[in-house]
């Protein structure tokens, strides 16, 4: 607050323990705040220190995989409604949806131990997502041609992105920002989707290009 010169009375809200899905949950919450008071602007900050969860003595496969693909990252975005003349919006937020998968409670876990948080990742996460993602996206975009859409997919891991590509019939071009961020920074949990959206601004997208953002957690 002091560093940004914010008022001591600024309203704050913490969204915690949502994992990789937290970035989109934060955007949806910021959008609701902005729409309820169009004169205000909402600052969304996602900060993830995944390296704090590394357990050196834990040689389980899922812990080693998590240590290899997760990274630290922080990103921020300002969300508002009714843009002023001096403001240049990057994206316009549209509809949002969420779906809780059955039999998924044990697939991703953060368990507190005597030496810190222990990561649990089941190997069939990608299969579980792939089984439902096509219907989920169809409900989102309706009869629209998905080949006209750009996709901001949270890079939860190589296998997850590949199965999303396969099930939705996406080209590498449609998810190029996802791959670029994953190769450069890894999976930074909630902050990653904001990195992907930022990278998409460097691509040759037209203002009319619809973007589907997907995250899992």
C-alpha atoms as a PDB file:
ATOM      1  CA  UNK A   1       0.000   0.000   0.000  1.00  0.00           C
ATOM      2  CA  UNK A   2       2.747   2.446   0.916  1.00  0.00           C
ATOM      3  CA  UNK A   3       4.787   1.631  -2.179  1.00  0.00           C
ATOM      4  CA  UNK A   4       1.855   2.365  -4.475  1.00  0.00           C
ATOM      5  CA  UNK A   5       0.673   5.387  -2.519  1.00  0.00           C
ATOM      6  CA  UNK A   6      -2.730   3.847  -1.890  1.00  0.00           C
ATOM      7  CA  UNK A   7      -5.201   5.203   0.612  1.00  0.00           C
ATOM      8  CA  UNK A   8      -5.166   3.568   4.049  1.00  0.00           C
ATOM      9  CA  UNK A   9      -8.879   3.034   3.529  1.00  0.00           C
ATOM     10  CA  UNK A  10      -8.578   1.084   0.291  1.00  0.00           C
ATOM     11  CA  UNK A  11     -10.682  -2.068   0.293  1.00  0.00           C
ATOM     12  CA  UNK A  12      -8.698  -5.311   0.175  1.00  0.00           C
ATOM     13  CA  UNK A  13      -9.628  -8.927  -0.380  1.00  0.00           C
ATOM     14  CA  UNK A  14      -7.440 -12.032  -0.210  1.00  0.00           C
ATOM     15  CA  UNK A  15      -8.252 -15.010  -2.439  1.00  0.00           C
ATOM     16  CA  UNK A  16      -6.207 -17.917  -1.159  1.00  0.00           C
ATOM     17  CA  UNK A  17      -5.763 -21.672  -1.546  1.00  0.00           C
ATOM     18  CA  UNK A  18      -7.294 -21.834  -5.026  1.00  0.00           C
ATOM     19  CA  UNK A  19      -4.084 -22.916  -6.731  1.00  0.00           C
ATOM     20  CA  UNK A  20      -3.725 -22.574 -10.480  1.00  0.00           C
ATOM     21  CA  UNK A  21      -7.369 -21.577 -10.861  1.00  0.00           C
ATOM     22  CA  UNK A  22      -6.879 -18.529  -8.608  1.00  0.00           C
ATOM     23  CA  UNK A  23      -5.901 -16.098 -11.371  1.00  0.00           C
ATOM     24  CA  UNK A  24      -9.169 -16.488 -13.267  1.00  0.00           C
ATOM     25  CA  UNK A  25     -11.146 -16.492 -10.004  1.00  0.00           C
ATOM     26  CA  UNK A  26      -9.434 -13.201  -9.170  1.00  0.00           C
ATOM     27  CA  UNK A  27     -10.320 -11.716 -12.566  1.00  0.00           C
ATOM     28  CA  UNK A  28     -13.947 -12.724 -12.147  1.00  0.00           C
ATOM     29  CA  UNK A  29     -14.071 -11.178  -8.663  1.00  0.00           C
ATOM     30  CA  UNK A  30     -12.360  -7.979  -9.855  1.00  0.00           C
ATOM     31  CA  UNK A  31     -14.859  -7.740 -12.715  1.00  0.00           C
ATOM     32  CA  UNK A  32     -17.774  -7.951 -10.279  1.00  0.00           C
ATOM     33  CA  UNK A  33     -16.285  -5.196  -8.118  1.00  0.00           C
ATOM     34  CA  UNK A  34     -15.657  -2.978 -11.155  1.00  0.00           C
ATOM     35  CA  UNK A  35     -19.172  -3.419 -12.520  1.00  0.00           C
ATOM     36  CA  UNK A  36     -20.681  -2.578  -9.135  1.00  0.00           C
ATOM     37  CA  UNK A  37     -18.756   0.720  -9.043  1.00  0.00           C
ATOM     38  CA  UNK A  38     -17.674   1.799 -12.559  1.00  0.00           C
ATOM     39  CA  UNK A  39     -15.808   4.861 -11.253  1.00  0.00           C
ATOM     40  CA  UNK A  40     -13.304   2.719  -9.389  1.00  0.00           C
ATOM     41  CA  UNK A  41     -10.428   0.588 -10.672  1.00  0.00           C
ATOM     42  CA  UNK A  42      -9.513  -2.788  -9.173  1.00  0.00           C
ATOM     43  CA  UNK A  43      -5.906  -3.915  -8.854  1.00  0.00           C
ATOM     44  CA  UNK A  44      -5.530  -7.690  -8.991  1.00  0.00           C
ATOM     45  CA  UNK A  45      -2.150  -9.057  -7.842  1.00  0.00           C
ATOM     46  CA  UNK A  46      -1.208 -12.747  -8.072  1.00  0.00           C
ATOM     47  CA  UNK A  47       1.969 -13.763  -6.253  1.00  0.00           C
ATOM     48  CA  UNK A  48       3.182 -17.350  -6.060  1.00  0.00           C
ATOM     49  CA  UNK A  49       6.343 -18.649  -4.358  1.00  0.00           C
ATOM     50  CA  UNK A  50       6.117 -22.279  -5.399  1.00  0.00           C
ATOM     51  CA  UNK A  51       9.783 -22.936  -4.643  1.00  0.00           C
ATOM     52  CA  UNK A  52       8.988 -22.693  -0.917  1.00  0.00           C
ATOM     53  CA  UNK A  53       7.212 -26.032  -1.225  1.00  0.00           C
ATOM     54  CA  UNK A  54      10.250 -27.967  -2.445  1.00  0.00           C
ATOM     55  CA  UNK A  55      10.928 -30.881  -0.094  1.00  0.00           C
ATOM     56  CA  UNK A  56      14.515 -32.038  -0.602  1.00  0.00           C
ATOM     57  CA  UNK A  57      14.090 -35.323   1.250  1.00  0.00           C
ATOM     58  CA  UNK A  58      10.833 -36.252  -0.500  1.00  0.00           C
ATOM     59  CA  UNK A  59      11.670 -38.486  -3.458  1.00  0.00           C
ATOM     60  CA  UNK A  60       8.088 -39.317  -4.440  1.00  0.00           C
ATOM     61  CA  UNK A  61       7.531 -38.998  -8.184  1.00  0.00           C
ATOM     62  CA  UNK A  62       4.821 -36.348  -7.876  1.00  0.00           C
ATOM     63  CA  UNK A  63       7.042 -34.215  -5.635  1.00  0.00           C
ATOM     64  CA  UNK A  64       9.925 -34.436  -8.116  1.00  0.00           C
ATOM     65  CA  UNK A  65       7.622 -33.561 -11.019  1.00  0.00           C
ATOM     66  CA  UNK A  66       6.201 -30.585  -9.108  1.00  0.00           C
ATOM     67  CA  UNK A  67       9.702 -29.346  -8.331  1.00  0.00           C
ATOM     68  CA  UNK A  68      10.585 -29.558 -12.015  1.00  0.00           C
ATOM     69  CA  UNK A  69       7.580 -27.770 -13.526  1.00  0.00           C
ATOM     70  CA  UNK A  70       6.572 -25.216 -10.880  1.00  0.00           C
ATOM     71  CA  UNK A  71       8.229 -21.809 -10.620  1.00  0.00           C
ATOM     72  CA  UNK A  72       7.901 -18.521  -8.756  1.00  0.00           C
ATOM     73  CA  UNK A  73       6.013 -15.674 -10.361  1.00  0.00           C
ATOM     74  CA  UNK A  74       3.998 -12.518  -9.764  1.00  0.00           C
ATOM     75  CA  UNK A  75       1.687 -10.614 -12.078  1.00  0.00           C
ATOM     76  CA  UNK A  76      -0.809  -7.788 -11.765  1.00  0.00           C
ATOM     77  CA  UNK A  77      -3.628  -6.330 -13.822  1.00  0.00           C
ATOM     78  CA  UNK A  78      -5.975  -3.372 -13.424  1.00  0.00           C
ATOM     79  CA  UNK A  79      -9.653  -4.123 -14.024  1.00  0.00           C
ATOM     80  CA  UNK A  80     -12.340  -1.518 -14.575  1.00  0.00           C
ATOM     81  CA  UNK A  81     -15.617  -0.700 -16.281  1.00  0.00           C
ATOM     82  CA  UNK A  82     -16.592   2.226 -18.522  1.00  0.00           C
ATOM     83  CA  UNK A  83     -13.068   3.077 -19.810  1.00  0.00           C
ATOM     84  CA  UNK A  84     -12.099   6.731 -19.804  1.00  0.00           C
ATOM     85  CA  UNK A  85     -10.658   8.453 -22.865  1.00  0.00           C
ATOM     86  CA  UNK A  86      -7.083   8.125 -21.595  1.00  0.00           C
ATOM     87  CA  UNK A  87      -7.430   4.376 -20.902  1.00  0.00           C
ATOM     88  CA  UNK A  88      -6.626   1.651 -23.436  1.00  0.00           C
ATOM     89  CA  UNK A  89      -8.150  -1.674 -22.368  1.00  0.00           C
ATOM     90  CA  UNK A  90      -6.219  -4.802 -23.376  1.00  0.00           C
ATOM     91  CA  UNK A  91      -9.118  -7.235 -23.101  1.00  0.00           C
ATOM     92  CA  UNK A  92     -12.835  -7.094 -22.447  1.00  0.00           C
ATOM     93  CA  UNK A  93     -13.989  -9.692 -19.936  1.00  0.00           C
ATOM     94  CA  UNK A  94     -17.002 -11.692 -21.070  1.00  0.00           C
ATOM     95  CA  UNK A  95     -18.845 -14.607 -19.558  1.00  0.00           C
ATOM     96  CA  UNK A  96     -17.291 -16.957 -17.035  1.00  0.00           C
ATOM     97  CA  UNK A  97     -18.046 -20.520 -16.038  1.00  0.00           C
ATOM     98  CA  UNK A  98     -16.757 -23.092 -13.574  1.00  0.00           C
ATOM     99  CA  UNK A  99     -17.194 -26.847 -13.360  1.00  0.00           C
ATOM    100  CA  UNK A 100     -16.207 -29.134 -10.481  1.00  0.00           C
ATOM    101  CA  UNK A 101     -15.178 -32.568 -11.755  1.00  0.00           C
ATOM    102  CA  UNK A 102     -16.432 -35.646  -9.975  1.00  0.00           C
ATOM    103  CA  UNK A 103     -13.886 -37.911  -8.268  1.00  0.00           C
ATOM    104  CA  UNK A 104     -11.205 -35.219  -8.435  1.00  0.00           C
ATOM    105  CA  UNK A 105     -10.695 -34.297  -4.774  1.00  0.00           C
ATOM    106  CA  UNK A 106      -7.500 -36.329  -4.405  1.00  0.00           C
ATOM    107  CA  UNK A 107      -5.939 -35.499  -7.776  1.00  0.00           C
ATOM    108  CA  UNK A 108      -4.111 -32.359  -6.609  1.00  0.00           C
ATOM    109  CA  UNK A 109      -3.151 -31.968  -2.962  1.00  0.00           C
ATOM    110  CA  UNK A 110      -1.163 -29.666  -0.680  1.00  0.00           C
ATOM    111  CA  UNK A 111      -0.610 -31.437   2.638  1.00  0.00           C
ATOM    112  CA  UNK A 112       1.009 -29.752   5.601  1.00  0.00           C
ATOM    113  CA  UNK A 113       3.900 -31.755   7.092  1.00  0.00           C
ATOM    114  CA  UNK A 114       6.571 -31.120   9.734  1.00  0.00           C
ATOM    115  CA  UNK A 115       8.870 -29.803   6.995  1.00  0.00           C
ATOM    116  CA  UNK A 116       6.338 -27.690   5.102  1.00  0.00           C
ATOM    117  CA  UNK A 117       3.797 -28.248   2.355  1.00  0.00           C
ATOM    118  CA  UNK A 118       3.936 -31.488   0.405  1.00  0.00           C
ATOM    119  CA  UNK A 119       2.632 -31.563  -3.155  1.00  0.00           C
ATOM    120  CA  UNK A 120       0.457 -34.393  -4.408  1.00  0.00           C
ATOM    121  CA  UNK A 121      -0.148 -34.797  -8.157  1.00  0.00           C
ATOM    122  CA  UNK A 122      -1.953 -37.818  -9.557  1.00  0.00           C
ATOM    123  CA  UNK A 123      -0.705 -38.933 -13.008  1.00  0.00           C
ATOM    124  CA  UNK A 124      -4.202 -39.078 -14.521  1.00  0.00           C
ATOM    125  CA  UNK A 125      -5.034 -35.376 -14.074  1.00  0.00           C
ATOM    126  CA  UNK A 126      -4.719 -34.742 -17.801  1.00  0.00           C
ATOM    127  CA  UNK A 127      -7.037 -37.639 -18.636  1.00  0.00           C
ATOM    128  CA  UNK A 128      -9.628 -36.368 -16.156  1.00  0.00           C
ATOM    129  CA  UNK A 129      -9.567 -32.879 -17.688  1.00  0.00           C
ATOM    130  CA  UNK A 130      -9.606 -34.226 -21.223  1.00  0.00           C
ATOM    131  CA  UNK A 131     -12.736 -36.210 -20.494  1.00  0.00           C
ATOM    132  CA  UNK A 132     -14.754 -33.053 -19.746  1.00  0.00           C
ATOM    133  CA  UNK A 133     -13.053 -30.129 -21.474  1.00  0.00           C
ATOM    134  CA  UNK A 134     -14.794 -30.413 -24.851  1.00  0.00           C
ATOM    135  CA  UNK A 135     -18.296 -30.257 -23.374  1.00  0.00           C
ATOM    136  CA  UNK A 136     -17.260 -27.447 -21.026  1.00  0.00           C
ATOM    137  CA  UNK A 137     -15.922 -25.302 -23.877  1.00  0.00           C
ATOM    138  CA  UNK A 138     -18.913 -26.093 -26.082  1.00  0.00           C
ATOM    139  CA  UNK A 139     -21.192 -24.756 -23.359  1.00  0.00           C
ATOM    140  CA  UNK A 140     -19.025 -21.618 -23.249  1.00  0.00           C
ATOM    141  CA  UNK A 141     -18.729 -20.775 -26.947  1.00  0.00           C
ATOM    142  CA  UNK A 142     -21.937 -22.380 -28.204  1.00  0.00           C
ATOM    143  CA  UNK A 143     -21.966 -22.917 -31.944  1.00  0.00           C
ATOM    144  CA  UNK A 144     -19.068 -20.549 -32.592  1.00  0.00           C
ATOM    145  CA  UNK A 145     -16.179 -21.849 -34.684  1.00  0.00           C
ATOM    146  CA  UNK A 146     -13.360 -22.579 -32.213  1.00  0.00           C
ATOM    147  CA  UNK A 147     -10.795 -22.177 -35.009  1.00  0.00           C
ATOM    148  CA  UNK A 148     -11.529 -18.424 -34.823  1.00  0.00           C
ATOM    149  CA  UNK A 149     -10.683 -18.329 -31.114  1.00  0.00           C
ATOM    150  CA  UNK A 150      -7.346 -17.834 -29.427  1.00  0.00           C
ATOM    151  CA  UNK A 151      -6.845 -19.943 -26.300  1.00  0.00           C
ATOM    152  CA  UNK A 152      -5.112 -18.841 -23.106  1.00  0.00           C
ATOM    153  CA  UNK A 153      -4.620 -22.252 -21.489  1.00  0.00           C
ATOM    154  CA  UNK A 154      -3.011 -22.510 -18.084  1.00  0.00           C
ATOM    155  CA  UNK A 155       0.129 -24.633 -18.638  1.00  0.00           C
ATOM    156  CA  UNK A 156      -0.346 -27.043 -15.770  1.00  0.00           C
ATOM    157  CA  UNK A 157       2.136 -29.360 -17.459  1.00  0.00           C
ATOM    158  CA  UNK A 158       3.077 -30.557 -20.917  1.00  0.00           C
ATOM    159  CA  UNK A 159       0.668 -33.515 -20.889  1.00  0.00           C
ATOM    160  CA  UNK A 160      -2.235 -31.307 -19.790  1.00  0.00           C
ATOM    161  CA  UNK A 161      -1.725 -28.780 -22.585  1.00  0.00           C
ATOM    162  CA  UNK A 162      -1.302 -31.520 -25.181  1.00  0.00           C
ATOM    163  CA  UNK A 163      -4.505 -33.293 -24.183  1.00  0.00           C
ATOM    164  CA  UNK A 164      -6.434 -29.982 -24.261  1.00  0.00           C
ATOM    165  CA  UNK A 165      -5.075 -29.379 -27.771  1.00  0.00           C
ATOM    166  CA  UNK A 166      -6.079 -32.866 -28.871  1.00  0.00           C
ATOM    167  CA  UNK A 167      -9.597 -32.884 -27.413  1.00  0.00           C
ATOM    168  CA  UNK A 168     -10.448 -29.398 -28.705  1.00  0.00           C
ATOM    169  CA  UNK A 169      -8.665 -29.800 -32.044  1.00  0.00           C
ATOM    170  CA  UNK A 170      -6.503 -26.730 -31.461  1.00  0.00           C
ATOM    171  CA  UNK A 171      -3.536 -25.733 -33.575  1.00  0.00           C
ATOM    172  CA  UNK A 172      -0.163 -24.805 -32.081  1.00  0.00           C
ATOM    173  CA  UNK A 173      -0.835 -21.236 -33.212  1.00  0.00           C
ATOM    174  CA  UNK A 174      -3.967 -21.026 -31.069  1.00  0.00           C
ATOM    175  CA  UNK A 175      -2.049 -21.891 -27.891  1.00  0.00           C
ATOM    176  CA  UNK A 176       1.352 -20.425 -28.798  1.00  0.00           C
ATOM    177  CA  UNK A 177       1.328 -18.036 -25.829  1.00  0.00           C
ATOM    178  CA  UNK A 178       0.686 -20.915 -23.431  1.00  0.00           C
ATOM    179  CA  UNK A 179       3.699 -22.836 -24.730  1.00  0.00           C
ATOM    180  CA  UNK A 180       5.920 -19.746 -24.727  1.00  0.00           C
ATOM    181  CA  UNK A 181       5.155 -18.938 -21.084  1.00  0.00           C
ATOM    182  CA  UNK A 182       5.535 -22.568 -20.006  1.00  0.00           C
ATOM    183  CA  UNK A 183       8.932 -22.904 -21.695  1.00  0.00           C
ATOM    184  CA  UNK A 184      10.172 -19.607 -20.218  1.00  0.00           C
ATOM    185  CA  UNK A 185       8.754 -19.676 -16.685  1.00  0.00           C
ATOM    186  CA  UNK A 186       7.080 -23.013 -15.988  1.00  0.00           C
ATOM    187  CA  UNK A 187       3.856 -23.313 -14.013  1.00  0.00           C
ATOM    188  CA  UNK A 188       3.566 -20.340 -11.652  1.00  0.00           C
ATOM    189  CA  UNK A 189       0.175 -21.382 -10.318  1.00  0.00           C
ATOM    190  CA  UNK A 190      -2.394 -18.539 -10.251  1.00  0.00           C
ATOM    191  CA  UNK A 191      -0.081 -15.937 -11.811  1.00  0.00           C
ATOM    192  CA  UNK A 192       0.542 -17.997 -14.950  1.00  0.00           C
ATOM    193  CA  UNK A 193      -2.694 -17.159 -16.769  1.00  0.00           C
ATOM    194  CA  UNK A 194      -1.878 -13.442 -16.490  1.00  0.00           C
ATOM    195  CA  UNK A 195       1.539 -14.117 -18.036  1.00  0.00           C
ATOM    196  CA  UNK A 196      -0.210 -15.943 -20.884  1.00  0.00           C
ATOM    197  CA  UNK A 197      -2.665 -13.092 -21.464  1.00  0.00           C
ATOM    198  CA  UNK A 198       0.201 -10.583 -21.465  1.00  0.00           C
ATOM    199  CA  UNK A 199       2.095 -12.639 -24.045  1.00  0.00           C
ATOM    200  CA  UNK A 200      -1.014 -12.768 -26.234  1.00  0.00           C
ATOM    201  CA  UNK A 201      -0.814  -8.996 -26.592  1.00  0.00           C
ATOM    202  CA  UNK A 202       2.414  -9.450 -28.561  1.00  0.00           C
ATOM    203  CA  UNK A 203       0.643 -11.715 -31.058  1.00  0.00           C
ATOM    204  CA  UNK A 204      -1.209 -10.606 -34.176  1.00  0.00           C
ATOM    205  CA  UNK A 205      -4.671 -10.743 -32.629  1.00  0.00           C
ATOM    206  CA  UNK A 206      -7.351  -8.432 -33.929  1.00  0.00           C
ATOM    207  CA  UNK A 207      -9.646  -6.628 -31.470  1.00  0.00           C
ATOM    208  CA  UNK A 208     -12.443  -8.913 -32.677  1.00  0.00           C
ATOM    209  CA  UNK A 209     -10.561 -12.148 -31.916  1.00  0.00           C
ATOM    210  CA  UNK A 210     -12.378 -13.968 -29.084  1.00  0.00           C
ATOM    211  CA  UNK A 211     -10.145 -15.470 -26.394  1.00  0.00           C
ATOM    212  CA  UNK A 212     -11.022 -18.474 -24.250  1.00  0.00           C
ATOM    213  CA  UNK A 213      -9.030 -18.595 -20.987  1.00  0.00           C
ATOM    214  CA  UNK A 214      -8.841 -21.940 -19.175  1.00  0.00           C
ATOM    215  CA  UNK A 215      -7.313 -22.791 -15.813  1.00  0.00           C
ATOM    216  CA  UNK A 216      -7.530 -25.822 -13.546  1.00  0.00           C
ATOM    217  CA  UNK A 217      -7.069 -26.243  -9.831  1.00  0.00           C
END
